[in-house]
Amino acid sequence: MKQNQSTKGFTLVEIMIVVVIIGLLAAMAIPAFQKVRQSSQDKAVLNNARQLSAAADQYYLENGVSSVTLSSLVGSANYVKALNLVANETYPGAYTQGETITIIGIAGVRTITYAP
């Protein structure tokens, strides 16, 4: 007696081709995603630096001083309500009028400088 063998399903070669194609697509997509993520983090940190610089300028004008600490700028009753960290960065503890602001440790490796 003859048995009817079913030929439904995929062969090993077809499955391997699909796996290779998916691997190639992932190899192209992951670096692009990381670049977009880094750019987004840098823009958010730069925006925080701009807000801190503007808050410091307002503090200088209102108090007639040329330097201020971070704790005088950030808080529920201060100029910046909350400072949201996006990549575990570190902001300076004090700001002096006319000096650049350097944020270090962005994602543990990058530094951004903002000149007001």
C-alpha atoms as a PDB file:
ATOM      1  CA  MET A   1       0.000   0.000   0.000  1.00  0.00           C
ATOM      2  CA  LYS A   2       1.080   3.466  -0.788  1.00  0.00           C
ATOM      3  CA  GLN A   3       0.909   6.185   1.809  1.00  0.00           C
ATOM      4  CA  ASN A   4       0.192   9.745   0.846  1.00  0.00           C
ATOM      5  CA  GLN A   5       2.969  11.848   2.278  1.00  0.00           C
ATOM      6  CA  SER A   6       1.995  15.384   3.095  1.00  0.00           C
ATOM      7  CA  THR A   7       4.334  18.059   1.721  1.00  0.00           C
ATOM      8  CA  LYS A   8       2.844  20.882   3.738  1.00  0.00           C
ATOM      9  CA  GLY A   9       5.147  23.112   5.780  1.00  0.00           C
ATOM     10  CA  PHE A  10       8.470  24.808   5.302  1.00  0.00           C
ATOM     11  CA  THR A  11      11.800  23.233   4.574  1.00  0.00           C
ATOM     12  CA  LEU A  12      14.844  23.894   6.683  1.00  0.00           C
ATOM     13  CA  VAL A  13      16.395  25.962   3.891  1.00  0.00           C
ATOM     14  CA  GLU A  14      13.348  28.230   3.668  1.00  0.00           C
ATOM     15  CA  ILE A  15      13.376  28.783   7.426  1.00  0.00           C
ATOM     16  CA  MET A  16      17.098  29.586   7.367  1.00  0.00           C
ATOM     17  CA  ILE A  17      16.588  32.142   4.569  1.00  0.00           C
ATOM     18  CA  VAL A  18      13.916  33.906   6.630  1.00  0.00           C
ATOM     19  CA  VAL A  19      16.167  33.917   9.717  1.00  0.00           C
ATOM     20  CA  VAL A  20      19.056  35.409   7.725  1.00  0.00           C
ATOM     21  CA  ILE A  21      16.797  38.136   6.269  1.00  0.00           C
ATOM     22  CA  ILE A  22      15.454  39.033   9.720  1.00  0.00           C
ATOM     23  CA  GLY A  23      19.021  39.147  11.062  1.00  0.00           C
ATOM     24  CA  LEU A  24      20.106  41.518   8.308  1.00  0.00           C
ATOM     25  CA  LEU A  25      17.147  43.811   8.931  1.00  0.00           C
ATOM     26  CA  ALA A  26      17.907  43.857  12.672  1.00  0.00           C
ATOM     27  CA  ALA A  27      21.573  44.587  11.980  1.00  0.00           C
ATOM     28  CA  MET A  28      20.539  47.677  10.019  1.00  0.00           C
ATOM     29  CA  ALA A  29      17.774  48.840  12.361  1.00  0.00           C
ATOM     30  CA  ILE A  30      19.512  48.622  15.748  1.00  0.00           C
ATOM     31  CA  PRO A  31      22.303  51.172  15.061  1.00  0.00           C
ATOM     32  CA  ALA A  32      19.764  53.574  13.567  1.00  0.00           C
ATOM     33  CA  PHE A  33      17.600  53.236  16.675  1.00  0.00           C
ATOM     34  CA  GLN A  34      20.579  53.867  18.957  1.00  0.00           C
ATOM     35  CA  LYS A  35      21.542  56.986  16.995  1.00  0.00           C
ATOM     36  CA  VAL A  36      18.007  58.382  17.255  1.00  0.00           C
ATOM     37  CA  ARG A  37      17.910  57.594  20.982  1.00  0.00           C
ATOM     38  CA  GLN A  38      21.245  59.365  21.577  1.00  0.00           C
ATOM     39  CA  SER A  39      20.100  62.405  19.614  1.00  0.00           C
ATOM     40  CA  SER A  40      16.853  62.548  21.568  1.00  0.00           C
ATOM     41  CA  GLN A  41      18.680  62.360  24.901  1.00  0.00           C
ATOM     42  CA  ASP A  42      21.102  65.102  23.864  1.00  0.00           C
ATOM     43  CA  LYS A  43      18.249  67.391  22.826  1.00  0.00           C
ATOM     44  CA  ALA A  44      16.418  66.833  26.124  1.00  0.00           C
ATOM     45  CA  VAL A  45      19.592  67.567  28.122  1.00  0.00           C
ATOM     46  CA  LEU A  46      20.257  70.692  26.051  1.00  0.00           C
ATOM     47  CA  ASN A  47      16.688  71.831  26.697  1.00  0.00           C
ATOM     48  CA  ASN A  48      17.218  71.344  30.444  1.00  0.00           C
ATOM     49  CA  ALA A  49      20.409  73.429  30.206  1.00  0.00           C
ATOM     50  CA  ARG A  50      18.490  76.214  28.437  1.00  0.00           C
ATOM     51  CA  GLN A  51      15.819  76.189  31.134  1.00  0.00           C
ATOM     52  CA  LEU A  52      18.430  76.325  33.887  1.00  0.00           C
ATOM     53  CA  SER A  53      20.245  79.156  32.108  1.00  0.00           C
ATOM     54  CA  ALA A  54      17.027  81.146  31.753  1.00  0.00           C
ATOM     55  CA  ALA A  55      16.153  80.495  35.395  1.00  0.00           C
ATOM     56  CA  ALA A  56      19.635  81.616  36.472  1.00  0.00           C
ATOM     57  CA  ASP A  57      19.318  84.825  34.404  1.00  0.00           C
ATOM     58  CA  GLN A  58      15.971  85.556  36.060  1.00  0.00           C
ATOM     59  CA  TYR A  59      17.512  84.917  39.488  1.00  0.00           C
ATOM     60  CA  TYR A  60      20.436  87.258  38.693  1.00  0.00           C
ATOM     61  CA  LEU A  61      18.027  90.035  37.691  1.00  0.00           C
ATOM     62  CA  GLU A  62      15.746  89.650  40.688  1.00  0.00           C
ATOM     63  CA  ASN A  63      18.477  89.334  43.314  1.00  0.00           C
ATOM     64  CA  GLY A  64      21.286  91.494  41.908  1.00  0.00           C
ATOM     65  CA  VAL A  65      23.879  88.713  42.096  1.00  0.00           C
ATOM     66  CA  SER A  66      26.105  87.031  39.533  1.00  0.00           C
ATOM     67  CA  SER A  67      26.036  83.424  40.784  1.00  0.00           C
ATOM     68  CA  VAL A  68      23.415  80.992  42.027  1.00  0.00           C
ATOM     69  CA  THR A  69      23.249  77.381  43.238  1.00  0.00           C
ATOM     70  CA  LEU A  70      21.196  74.666  41.579  1.00  0.00           C
ATOM     71  CA  SER A  71      19.059  74.265  44.712  1.00  0.00           C
ATOM     72  CA  SER A  72      17.955  77.920  44.411  1.00  0.00           C
ATOM     73  CA  LEU A  73      16.763  77.312  40.847  1.00  0.00           C
ATOM     74  CA  VAL A  74      15.043  73.920  41.051  1.00  0.00           C
ATOM     75  CA  GLY A  75      12.161  73.157  43.381  1.00  0.00           C
ATOM     76  CA  SER A  76       8.406  73.415  43.688  1.00  0.00           C
ATOM     77  CA  ALA A  77       8.586  77.088  44.727  1.00  0.00           C
ATOM     78  CA  ASN A  78      11.532  78.038  42.483  1.00  0.00           C
ATOM     79  CA  TYR A  79      12.052  78.908  38.835  1.00  0.00           C
ATOM     80  CA  VAL A  80      12.241  75.336  37.478  1.00  0.00           C
ATOM     81  CA  LYS A  81       9.665  73.085  39.139  1.00  0.00           C
ATOM     82  CA  ALA A  82      11.459  69.800  38.444  1.00  0.00           C
ATOM     83  CA  LEU A  83      14.575  68.753  36.586  1.00  0.00           C
ATOM     84  CA  ASN A  84      13.895  65.476  34.795  1.00  0.00           C
ATOM     85  CA  LEU A  85      17.028  63.450  34.171  1.00  0.00           C
ATOM     86  CA  VAL A  86      16.925  61.606  30.854  1.00  0.00           C
ATOM     87  CA  ALA A  87      20.253  59.735  30.787  1.00  0.00           C
ATOM     88  CA  ASN A  88      21.640  59.880  34.362  1.00  0.00           C
ATOM     89  CA  GLU A  89      23.457  63.106  33.562  1.00  0.00           C
ATOM     90  CA  THR A  90      24.995  65.417  36.165  1.00  0.00           C
ATOM     91  CA  TYR A  91      24.262  69.157  36.170  1.00  0.00           C
ATOM     92  CA  PRO A  92      26.586  71.711  37.778  1.00  0.00           C
ATOM     93  CA  GLY A  93      25.838  72.640  41.379  1.00  0.00           C
ATOM     94  CA  ALA A  94      26.389  76.371  40.793  1.00  0.00           C
ATOM     95  CA  TYR A  95      25.950  78.793  37.898  1.00  0.00           C
ATOM     96  CA  THR A  96      27.837  82.024  37.240  1.00  0.00           C
ATOM     97  CA  GLN A  97      26.594  84.746  34.937  1.00  0.00           C
ATOM     98  CA  GLY A  98      28.160  84.584  31.471  1.00  0.00           C
ATOM     99  CA  GLU A  99      29.862  81.200  31.954  1.00  0.00           C
ATOM    100  CA  THR A 100      29.096  78.089  29.952  1.00  0.00           C
ATOM    101  CA  ILE A 101      27.106  75.241  31.455  1.00  0.00           C
ATOM    102  CA  THR A 102      28.663  71.797  31.138  1.00  0.00           C
ATOM    103  CA  ILE A 103      26.504  68.731  31.707  1.00  0.00           C
ATOM    104  CA  ILE A 104      28.556  65.572  32.192  1.00  0.00           C
ATOM    105  CA  GLY A 105      27.881  61.857  32.266  1.00  0.00           C
ATOM    106  CA  ILE A 106      25.092  61.715  29.699  1.00  0.00           C
ATOM    107  CA  ALA A 107      24.441  57.975  29.395  1.00  0.00           C
ATOM    108  CA  GLY A 108      27.758  57.604  31.202  1.00  0.00           C
ATOM    109  CA  VAL A 109      29.883  58.714  28.236  1.00  0.00           C
ATOM    110  CA  ARG A 110      28.884  62.043  26.687  1.00  0.00           C
ATOM    111  CA  THR A 111      29.257  65.693  27.733  1.00  0.00           C
ATOM    112  CA  ILE A 112      27.251  68.668  26.492  1.00  0.00           C
ATOM    113  CA  THR A 113      28.241  72.311  26.866  1.00  0.00           C
ATOM    114  CA  TYR A 114      25.699  75.109  26.624  1.00  0.00           C
ATOM    115  CA  ALA A 115      26.851  78.714  26.228  1.00  0.00           C
ATOM    116  CA  PRO A 116      24.131  81.165  27.290  1.00  0.00           C
END
